[in-house]
Amino acid sequence: MSLANLHLFEIVRLSERMLDVARKGTEDRPDAECAIVYGTLHDYAMHLRKLALEEVERHRRMGVFDDEDVQAYELIRSSL
């Protein structure tokens, strides 16, 4: 797997974790002000995921993919 794609896949996984924390935090928040923090986390996670997936797609179109990249890409896309 190329290191560039490996790092982008890590960003996608990180954004999924951020979304999970935002969801759980929103469910458990004690007051309305916490909603701002969790909402911001959610928004940044969505933006990061979008940027990383766009870059991965650009790499795929450029042919900067090996077999491991293709498998990881398909796995990530199927889990979204």
Foldseek 3Di string as FASTA:
>chain_A
DDPLLVVLLVLLVVLVVLLVCLVVCVVPPPDDVSPVVSVVSNVVSVVSNVVSLVVLVVCVVVVVDDPVSVVSNVVSVVVD
